[in-house]
PDB file of N, CA and C in Angstrom:
ATOM      1  N   MET A   1      14.934  13.614 -21.784  1.00  0.00           N
ATOM      2  CA  MET A   1      15.945  14.610 -21.559  1.00  0.00           C
ATOM      3  C   MET A   1      15.633  15.798 -22.458  1.00  0.00           C
ATOM      4  N   ILE A   2      15.735  16.987 -21.903  1.00  0.00           N
ATOM      5  CA  ILE A   2      15.484  18.219 -22.643  1.00  0.00           C
ATOM      6  C   ILE A   2      16.751  19.057 -22.599  1.00  0.00           C
ATOM      7  N   ILE A   3      17.115  19.627 -23.728  1.00  0.00           N
ATOM      8  CA  ILE A   3      18.319  20.458 -23.778  1.00  0.00           C
ATOM      9  C   ILE A   3      17.913  21.894 -24.090  1.00  0.00           C
ATOM     10  N   PHE A   4      18.244  22.818 -23.179  1.00  0.00           N
ATOM     11  CA  PHE A   4      18.007  24.247 -23.348  1.00  0.00           C
ATOM     12  C   PHE A   4      19.340  24.964 -23.241  1.00  0.00           C
ATOM     13  N   ASP A   5      19.705  25.698 -24.275  1.00  0.00           N
ATOM     14  CA  ASP A   5      20.951  26.486 -24.245  1.00  0.00           C
ATOM     15  C   ASP A   5      22.124  25.683 -23.686  1.00  0.00           C
ATOM     16  N   LYS A   6      22.284  24.468 -24.175  1.00  0.00           N
ATOM     17  CA  LYS A   6      23.374  23.570 -23.786  1.00  0.00           C
ATOM     18  C   LYS A   6      23.308  23.113 -22.332  1.00  0.00           C
ATOM     19  N   LYS A   7      22.168  23.314 -21.678  1.00  0.00           N
ATOM     20  CA  LYS A   7      21.965  22.791 -20.327  1.00  0.00           C
ATOM     21  C   LYS A   7      21.024  21.596 -20.440  1.00  0.00           C
ATOM     22  N   ILE A   8      21.356  20.516 -19.788  1.00  0.00           N
ATOM     23  CA  ILE A   8      20.540  19.314 -19.842  1.00  0.00           C
ATOM     24  C   ILE A   8      19.626  19.275 -18.622  1.00  0.00           C
ATOM     25  N   ILE A   9      18.355  19.148 -18.888  1.00  0.00           N
ATOM     26  CA  ILE A   9      17.366  19.052 -17.813  1.00  0.00           C
ATOM     27  C   ILE A   9      16.750  17.657 -17.895  1.00  0.00           C
ATOM     28  N   THR A  10      16.829  16.905 -16.814  1.00  0.00           N
ATOM     29  CA  THR A  10      16.239  15.569 -16.806  1.00  0.00           C
ATOM     30  C   THR A  10      14.894  15.606 -16.102  1.00  0.00           C
ATOM     31  N   MET A  11      14.038  14.690 -16.476  1.00  0.00           N
ATOM     32  CA  MET A  11      12.719  14.606 -15.870  1.00  0.00           C
ATOM     33  C   MET A  11      12.525  13.191 -15.335  1.00  0.00           C
ATOM     34  N   THR A  12      11.849  13.075 -14.230  1.00  0.00           N
ATOM     35  CA  THR A  12      11.519  11.785 -13.651  1.00  0.00           C
ATOM     36  C   THR A  12      10.018  11.589 -13.784  1.00  0.00           C
ATOM     37  N   TYR A  13       9.617  10.413 -14.222  1.00  0.00           N
ATOM     38  CA  TYR A  13       8.201  10.108 -14.403  1.00  0.00           C
ATOM     39  C   TYR A  13       7.783   9.059 -13.386  1.00  0.00           C
ATOM     40  N   THR A  14       6.589   9.199 -12.868  1.00  0.00           N
ATOM     41  CA  THR A  14       6.011   8.203 -11.975  1.00  0.00           C
ATOM     42  C   THR A  14       4.821   7.586 -12.692  1.00  0.00           C
ATOM     43  N   ILE A  15       4.837   6.281 -12.808  1.00  0.00           N
ATOM     44  CA  ILE A  15       3.742   5.563 -13.453  1.00  0.00           C
ATOM     45  C   ILE A  15       3.149   4.637 -12.415  1.00  0.00           C
ATOM     46  N   LYS A  16       1.869   4.751 -12.164  1.00  0.00           N
ATOM     47  CA  LYS A  16       1.219   3.883 -11.183  1.00  0.00           C
ATOM     48  C   LYS A  16       0.423   2.824 -11.927  1.00  0.00           C
ATOM     49  N   ILE A  17       0.676   1.575 -11.587  1.00  0.00           N
ATOM     50  CA  ILE A  17      -0.023   0.451 -12.204  1.00  0.00           C
ATOM     51  C   ILE A  17      -0.626  -0.394 -11.093  1.00  0.00           C
ATOM     52  N   ASP A  18      -1.919  -0.570 -11.122  1.00  0.00           N
ATOM     53  CA  ASP A  18      -2.610  -1.423 -10.162  1.00  0.00           C
ATOM     54  C   ASP A  18      -2.431  -2.864 -10.630  1.00  0.00           C
ATOM     55  N   ASP A  19      -1.863  -3.712  -9.781  1.00  0.00           N
ATOM     56  CA  ASP A  19      -1.502  -5.060 -10.214  1.00  0.00           C
ATOM     57  C   ASP A  19      -2.610  -6.095 -10.050  1.00  0.00           C
ATOM     58  N   LYS A  20      -3.855  -5.657 -10.072  1.00  0.00           N
ATOM     59  CA  LYS A  20      -4.962  -6.598  -9.873  1.00  0.00           C
ATOM     60  C   LYS A  20      -5.267  -7.437 -11.112  1.00  0.00           C
ATOM     61  N   SER A  21      -4.967  -6.936 -12.295  1.00  0.00           N
ATOM     62  CA  SER A  21      -5.305  -7.688 -13.503  1.00  0.00           C
ATOM     63  C   SER A  21      -4.074  -8.412 -14.053  1.00  0.00           C
ATOM     64  N   LEU A  22      -4.321  -9.431 -14.840  1.00  0.00           N
ATOM     65  CA  LEU A  22      -3.248 -10.207 -15.451  1.00  0.00           C
ATOM     66  C   LEU A  22      -2.436  -9.333 -16.401  1.00  0.00           C
ATOM     67  N   LYS A  23      -3.093  -8.484 -17.162  1.00  0.00           N
ATOM     68  CA  LYS A  23      -2.399  -7.611 -18.109  1.00  0.00           C
ATOM     69  C   LYS A  23      -1.485  -6.630 -17.365  1.00  0.00           C
ATOM     70  N   ALA A  24      -1.962  -6.097 -16.240  1.00  0.00           N
ATOM     71  CA  ALA A  24      -1.155  -5.160 -15.452  1.00  0.00           C
ATOM     72  C   ALA A  24       0.081  -5.862 -14.896  1.00  0.00           C
ATOM     73  N   ARG A  25      -0.089  -7.073 -14.379  1.00  0.00           N
ATOM     74  CA  ARG A  25       1.062  -7.824 -13.855  1.00  0.00           C
ATOM     75  C   ARG A  25       2.061  -8.139 -14.964  1.00  0.00           C
ATOM     76  N   SER A  26       1.550  -8.377 -16.159  1.00  0.00           N
ATOM     77  CA  SER A  26       2.422  -8.631 -17.304  1.00  0.00           C
ATOM     78  C   SER A  26       3.269  -7.393 -17.616  1.00  0.00           C
ATOM     79  N   ILE A  27       2.660  -6.227 -17.575  1.00  0.00           N
ATOM     80  CA  ILE A  27       3.393  -4.974 -17.825  1.00  0.00           C
ATOM     81  C   ILE A  27       4.440  -4.755 -16.741  1.00  0.00           C
ATOM     82  N   ILE A  28       4.068  -5.026 -15.495  1.00  0.00           N
ATOM     83  CA  ILE A  28       5.008  -4.867 -14.385  1.00  0.00           C
ATOM     84  C   ILE A  28       6.204  -5.802 -14.575  1.00  0.00           C
ATOM     85  N   ASN A  29       5.944  -7.043 -14.952  1.00  0.00           N
ATOM     86  CA  ASN A  29       7.040  -7.996 -15.183  1.00  0.00           C
ATOM     87  C   ASN A  29       7.928  -7.551 -16.338  1.00  0.00           C
ATOM     88  N   MET A  30       7.324  -6.994 -17.387  1.00  0.00           N
ATOM     89  CA  MET A  30       8.102  -6.487 -18.507  1.00  0.00           C
ATOM     90  C   MET A  30       9.017  -5.351 -18.049  1.00  0.00           C
ATOM     91  N   LEU A  31       8.474  -4.436 -17.237  1.00  0.00           N
ATOM     92  CA  LEU A  31       9.274  -3.322 -16.726  1.00  0.00           C
ATOM     93  C   LEU A  31      10.402  -3.820 -15.823  1.00  0.00           C
ATOM     94  N   LYS A  32      10.127  -4.848 -15.027  1.00  0.00           N
ATOM     95  CA  LYS A  32      11.171  -5.422 -14.166  1.00  0.00           C
ATOM     96  C   LYS A  32      12.287  -6.030 -15.009  1.00  0.00           C
ATOM     97  N   ALA A  33      11.924  -6.665 -16.119  1.00  0.00           N
ATOM     98  CA  ALA A  33      12.936  -7.227 -17.011  1.00  0.00           C
ATOM     99  C   ALA A  33      13.765  -6.115 -17.645  1.00  0.00           C
ATOM    100  N   LEU A  34      13.109  -5.035 -18.048  1.00  0.00           N
ATOM    101  CA  LEU A  34      13.831  -3.899 -18.623  1.00  0.00           C
ATOM    102  C   LEU A  34      14.746  -3.246 -17.597  1.00  0.00           C
ATOM    103  N   GLN A  35      14.321  -3.257 -16.341  1.00  0.00           N
ATOM    104  CA  GLN A  35      15.108  -2.650 -15.272  1.00  0.00           C
ATOM    105  C   GLN A  35      16.477  -3.327 -15.143  1.00  0.00           C
ATOM    106  N   GLU A  36      16.541  -4.611 -15.436  1.00  0.00           N
ATOM    107  CA  GLU A  36      17.810  -5.332 -15.339  1.00  0.00           C
ATOM    108  C   GLU A  36      18.828  -4.830 -16.369  1.00  0.00           C
ATOM    109  N   ASP A  37      18.330  -4.359 -17.509  1.00  0.00           N
ATOM    110  CA  ASP A  37      19.221  -3.909 -18.584  1.00  0.00           C
ATOM    111  C   ASP A  37      19.457  -2.403 -18.609  1.00  0.00           C
ATOM    112  N   TYR A  38      18.551  -1.647 -18.017  1.00  0.00           N
ATOM    113  CA  TYR A  38      18.639  -0.183 -18.081  1.00  0.00           C
ATOM    114  C   TYR A  38      18.675   0.397 -16.677  1.00  0.00           C
ATOM    115  N   ASP A  39      19.774   1.045 -16.334  1.00  0.00           N
ATOM    116  CA  ASP A  39      19.938   1.571 -14.975  1.00  0.00           C
ATOM    117  C   ASP A  39      19.079   2.799 -14.694  1.00  0.00           C
ATOM    118  N   PHE A  40      18.454   3.366 -15.705  1.00  0.00           N
ATOM    119  CA  PHE A  40      17.611   4.539 -15.484  1.00  0.00           C
ATOM    120  C   PHE A  40      16.181   4.162 -15.109  1.00  0.00           C
ATOM    121  N   ILE A  41      15.880   2.862 -15.094  1.00  0.00           N
ATOM    122  CA  ILE A  41      14.543   2.411 -14.695  1.00  0.00           C
ATOM    123  C   ILE A  41      14.597   1.957 -13.242  1.00  0.00           C
ATOM    124  N   GLU A  42      13.712   2.497 -12.440  1.00  0.00           N
ATOM    125  CA  GLU A  42      13.629   2.135 -11.023  1.00  0.00           C
ATOM    126  C   GLU A  42      12.179   1.798 -10.714  1.00  0.00           C
ATOM    127  N   ILE A  43      11.962   0.654 -10.106  1.00  0.00           N
ATOM    128  CA  ILE A  43      10.608   0.212  -9.782  1.00  0.00           C
ATOM    129  C   ILE A  43      10.497   0.077  -8.275  1.00  0.00           C
ATOM    130  N   GLU A  44       9.488   0.712  -7.717  1.00  0.00           N
ATOM    131  CA  GLU A  44       9.215   0.612  -6.285  1.00  0.00           C
ATOM    132  C   GLU A  44       7.769   0.217  -6.095  1.00  0.00           C
ATOM    133  N   LYS A  45       7.547  -0.734  -5.230  1.00  0.00           N
ATOM    134  CA  LYS A  45       6.179  -1.133  -4.920  1.00  0.00           C
ATOM    135  C   LYS A  45       5.614  -0.154  -3.897  1.00  0.00           C
ATOM    136  N   ASP A  46       4.441   0.353  -4.194  1.00  0.00           N
ATOM    137  CA  ASP A  46       3.775   1.297  -3.300  1.00  0.00           C
ATOM    138  C   ASP A  46       2.973   0.512  -2.275  1.00  0.00           C
ATOM    139  N   HIS A  47       3.343   0.672  -1.025  1.00  0.00           N
ATOM    140  CA  HIS A  47       2.654  -0.057   0.039  1.00  0.00           C
ATOM    141  C   HIS A  47       1.567   0.792   0.689  1.00  0.00           C
ATOM    142  N   ALA A  48       0.973   1.652  -0.085  1.00  0.00           N
ATOM    143  CA  ALA A  48      -0.078   2.523   0.442  1.00  0.00           C
ATOM    144  C   ALA A  48      -1.323   1.698   0.765  1.00  0.00           C
ATOM    145  N   ILE A  49      -2.156   2.272   1.574  1.00  0.00           N
ATOM    146  CA  ILE A  49      -3.423   1.621   1.918  1.00  0.00           C
ATOM    147  C   ILE A  49      -4.257   1.549   0.648  1.00  0.00           C
ATOM    148  N   LYS A  50      -4.816   0.375   0.358  1.00  0.00           N
ATOM    149  CA  LYS A  50      -5.484   0.197  -0.924  1.00  0.00           C
ATOM    150  C   LYS A  50      -6.995   0.069  -0.838  1.00  0.00           C
ATOM    151  N   SER A  51      -7.506  -0.697   0.077  1.00  0.00           N
ATOM    152  CA  SER A  51      -8.943  -0.954   0.076  1.00  0.00           C
ATOM    153  C   SER A  51      -9.684   0.005   1.009  1.00  0.00           C
ATOM    154  N   ASP A  52     -10.969   0.153   0.733  1.00  0.00           N
ATOM    155  CA  ASP A  52     -11.803   1.006   1.588  1.00  0.00           C
ATOM    156  C   ASP A  52     -11.822   0.485   3.019  1.00  0.00           C
ATOM    157  N   LEU A  53     -11.815  -0.823   3.168  1.00  0.00           N
ATOM    158  CA  LEU A  53     -11.807  -1.416   4.508  1.00  0.00           C
ATOM    159  C   LEU A  53     -10.533  -1.043   5.246  1.00  0.00           C
ATOM    160  N   GLU A  54      -9.392  -1.104   4.564  1.00  0.00           N
ATOM    161  CA  GLU A  54      -8.118  -0.720   5.178  1.00  0.00           C
ATOM    162  C   GLU A  54      -8.114   0.764   5.541  1.00  0.00           C
ATOM    163  N   ILE A  55      -8.682   1.583   4.674  1.00  0.00           N
ATOM    164  CA  ILE A  55      -8.757   3.025   4.943  1.00  0.00           C
ATOM    165  C   ILE A  55      -9.617   3.274   6.175  1.00  0.00           C
ATOM    166  N   ASP A  56     -10.764   2.594   6.253  1.00  0.00           N
ATOM    167  CA  ASP A  56     -11.642   2.746   7.416  1.00  0.00           C
ATOM    168  C   ASP A  56     -10.939   2.326   8.702  1.00  0.00           C
ATOM    169  N   LYS A  57     -10.204   1.218   8.650  1.00  0.00           N
ATOM    170  CA  LYS A  57      -9.469   0.752   9.837  1.00  0.00           C
ATOM    171  C   LYS A  57      -8.416   1.774  10.253  1.00  0.00           C
ATOM    172  N   GLU A  58      -7.691   2.317   9.268  1.00  0.00           N
ATOM    173  CA  GLU A  58      -6.647   3.301   9.568  1.00  0.00           C
ATOM    174  C   GLU A  58      -7.257   4.568  10.158  1.00  0.00           C
ATOM    175  N   LEU A  59      -8.371   5.024   9.601  1.00  0.00           N
ATOM    176  CA  LEU A  59      -9.024   6.229  10.126  1.00  0.00           C
ATOM    177  C   LEU A  59      -9.541   5.998  11.544  1.00  0.00           C
ATOM    178  N   ASP A  60     -10.117   4.823  11.806  1.00  0.00           N
ATOM    179  CA  ASP A  60     -10.579   4.494  13.158  1.00  0.00           C
ATOM    180  C   ASP A  60      -9.419   4.504  14.141  1.00  0.00           C
ATOM    181  N   LYS A  61      -8.301   3.900  13.738  1.00  0.00           N
ATOM    182  CA  LYS A  61      -7.115   3.848  14.600  1.00  0.00           C
ATOM    183  C   LYS A  61      -6.617   5.259  14.921  1.00  0.00           C
ATOM    184  N   ARG A  62      -6.567   6.118  13.906  1.00  0.00           N
ATOM    185  CA  ARG A  62      -6.092   7.485  14.113  1.00  0.00           C
ATOM    186  C   ARG A  62      -7.072   8.294  14.962  1.00  0.00           C
ATOM    187  N   TYR A  63      -8.370   8.076  14.760  1.00  0.00           N
ATOM    188  CA  TYR A  63      -9.362   8.806  15.542  1.00  0.00           C
ATOM    189  C   TYR A  63      -9.291   8.396  17.014  1.00  0.00           C
ATOM    190  N   LYS A  64      -9.107   7.095  17.280  1.00  0.00           N
ATOM    191  CA  LYS A  64      -8.984   6.631  18.666  1.00  0.00           C
ATOM    192  C   LYS A  64      -7.735   7.221  19.321  1.00  0.00           C
ATOM    193  N   ALA A  65      -6.644   7.308  18.563  1.00  0.00           N
ATOM    194  CA  ALA A  65      -5.421   7.912  19.094  1.00  0.00           C
ATOM    195  C   ALA A  65      -5.653   9.392  19.377  1.00  0.00           C
ATOM    196  N   PHE A  66      -6.406  10.063  18.515  1.00  0.00           N
ATOM    197  CA  PHE A  66      -6.729  11.472  18.717  1.00  0.00           C
ATOM    198  C   PHE A  66      -7.586  11.652  19.968  1.00  0.00           C
ATOM    199  N   GLN A  67      -8.549  10.751  20.173  1.00  0.00           N
ATOM    200  CA  GLN A  67      -9.418  10.856  21.342  1.00  0.00           C
ATOM    201  C   GLN A  67      -8.620  10.706  22.638  1.00  0.00           C
ATOM    202  N   LYS A  68      -7.582   9.876  22.625  1.00  0.00           N
ATOM    203  CA  LYS A  68      -6.753   9.689  23.817  1.00  0.00           C
ATOM    204  C   LYS A  68      -5.913  10.934  24.102  1.00  0.00           C
ATOM    205  N   ASN A  69      -5.491  11.639  23.047  1.00  0.00           N
ATOM    206  CA  ASN A  69      -4.668  12.832  23.201  1.00  0.00           C
ATOM    207  C   ASN A  69      -5.192  13.896  22.240  1.00  0.00           C
ATOM    208  N   SER A  70      -6.326  14.467  22.587  1.00  0.00           N
ATOM    209  CA  SER A  70      -6.979  15.409  21.673  1.00  0.00           C
ATOM    210  C   SER A  70      -6.394  16.819  21.743  1.00  0.00           C
ATOM    211  N   GLU A  71      -5.544  17.075  22.726  1.00  0.00           N
ATOM    212  CA  GLU A  71      -4.988  18.428  22.846  1.00  0.00           C
ATOM    213  C   GLU A  71      -4.073  18.735  21.671  1.00  0.00           C
ATOM    214  N   GLY A  72      -3.147  17.863  21.398  1.00  0.00           N
ATOM    215  CA  GLY A  72      -2.256  18.052  20.258  1.00  0.00           C
ATOM    216  C   GLY A  72      -1.478  19.347  20.334  1.00  0.00           C
ATOM    217  N   LYS A  73      -0.934  19.777  19.208  1.00  0.00           N
ATOM    218  CA  LYS A  73      -0.154  21.001  19.126  1.00  0.00           C
ATOM    219  C   LYS A  73      -0.623  21.814  17.933  1.00  0.00           C
ATOM    220  N   GLU A  74      -0.392  23.097  18.013  1.00  0.00           N
ATOM    221  CA  GLU A  74      -0.715  23.981  16.887  1.00  0.00           C
ATOM    222  C   GLU A  74       0.277  23.723  15.756  1.00  0.00           C
ATOM    223  N   TRP A  75      -0.190  23.875  14.526  1.00  0.00           N
ATOM    224  CA  TRP A  75       0.645  23.639  13.351  1.00  0.00           C
ATOM    225  C   TRP A  75       1.890  24.526  13.361  1.00  0.00           C
ATOM    226  N   VAL A  76       1.750  25.755  13.746  1.00  0.00           N
ATOM    227  CA  VAL A  76       2.883  26.684  13.778  1.00  0.00           C
ATOM    228  C   VAL A  76       3.962  26.160  14.720  1.00  0.00           C
ATOM    229  N   ASP A  77       3.560  25.651  15.888  1.00  0.00           N
ATOM    230  CA  ASP A  77       4.524  25.109  16.845  1.00  0.00           C
ATOM    231  C   ASP A  77       5.200  23.848  16.315  1.00  0.00           C
ATOM    232  N   LEU A  78       4.432  22.983  15.649  1.00  0.00           N
ATOM    233  CA  LEU A  78       5.012  21.771  15.069  1.00  0.00           C
ATOM    234  C   LEU A  78       6.043  22.124  13.993  1.00  0.00           C
ATOM    235  N   LYS A  79       5.734  23.105  13.156  1.00  0.00           N
ATOM    236  CA  LYS A  79       6.673  23.508  12.113  1.00  0.00           C
ATOM    237  C   LYS A  79       7.978  24.002  12.717  1.00  0.00           C
ATOM    238  N   LYS A  80       7.893  24.729  13.836  1.00  0.00           N
ATOM    239  CA  LYS A  80       9.096  25.221  14.505  1.00  0.00           C
ATOM    240  C   LYS A  80       9.953  24.069  15.003  1.00  0.00           C
ATOM    241  N   GLU A  81       9.318  23.015  15.489  1.00  0.00           N
ATOM    242  CA  GLU A  81      10.057  21.851  15.990  1.00  0.00           C
ATOM    243  C   GLU A  81      10.819  21.155  14.884  1.00  0.00           C
ATOM    244  N   PHE A  82      10.272  21.132  13.682  1.00  0.00           N
ATOM    245  CA  PHE A  82      10.916  20.436  12.571  1.00  0.00           C
ATOM    246  C   PHE A  82      11.976  21.267  11.870  1.00  0.00           C
ATOM    247  N   ASN A  83      11.956  22.567  12.065  1.00  0.00           N
ATOM    248  CA  ASN A  83      12.946  23.445  11.408  1.00  0.00           C
ATOM    249  C   ASN A  83      14.150  23.684  12.248  1.00  0.00           C
TER     250      ASN A  83
END
């Protein structure tokens, strides 16, 4: 927490821990235990694609979908649809 001219500014931190090692899993478990006592700690598991093989599969899947419908839309038109 930072205080400037009696205004409180809070900051949120993101810490990424790869849970492949025993030490990393130990840290994650420690943080989960702390989360039970402190409401300002929030832990979310990132379900992002992790391995090169998974990335290759995802890219192949997206490329095949693109080949089926390669026309697509212009970025400007897509932005208009979302606004």
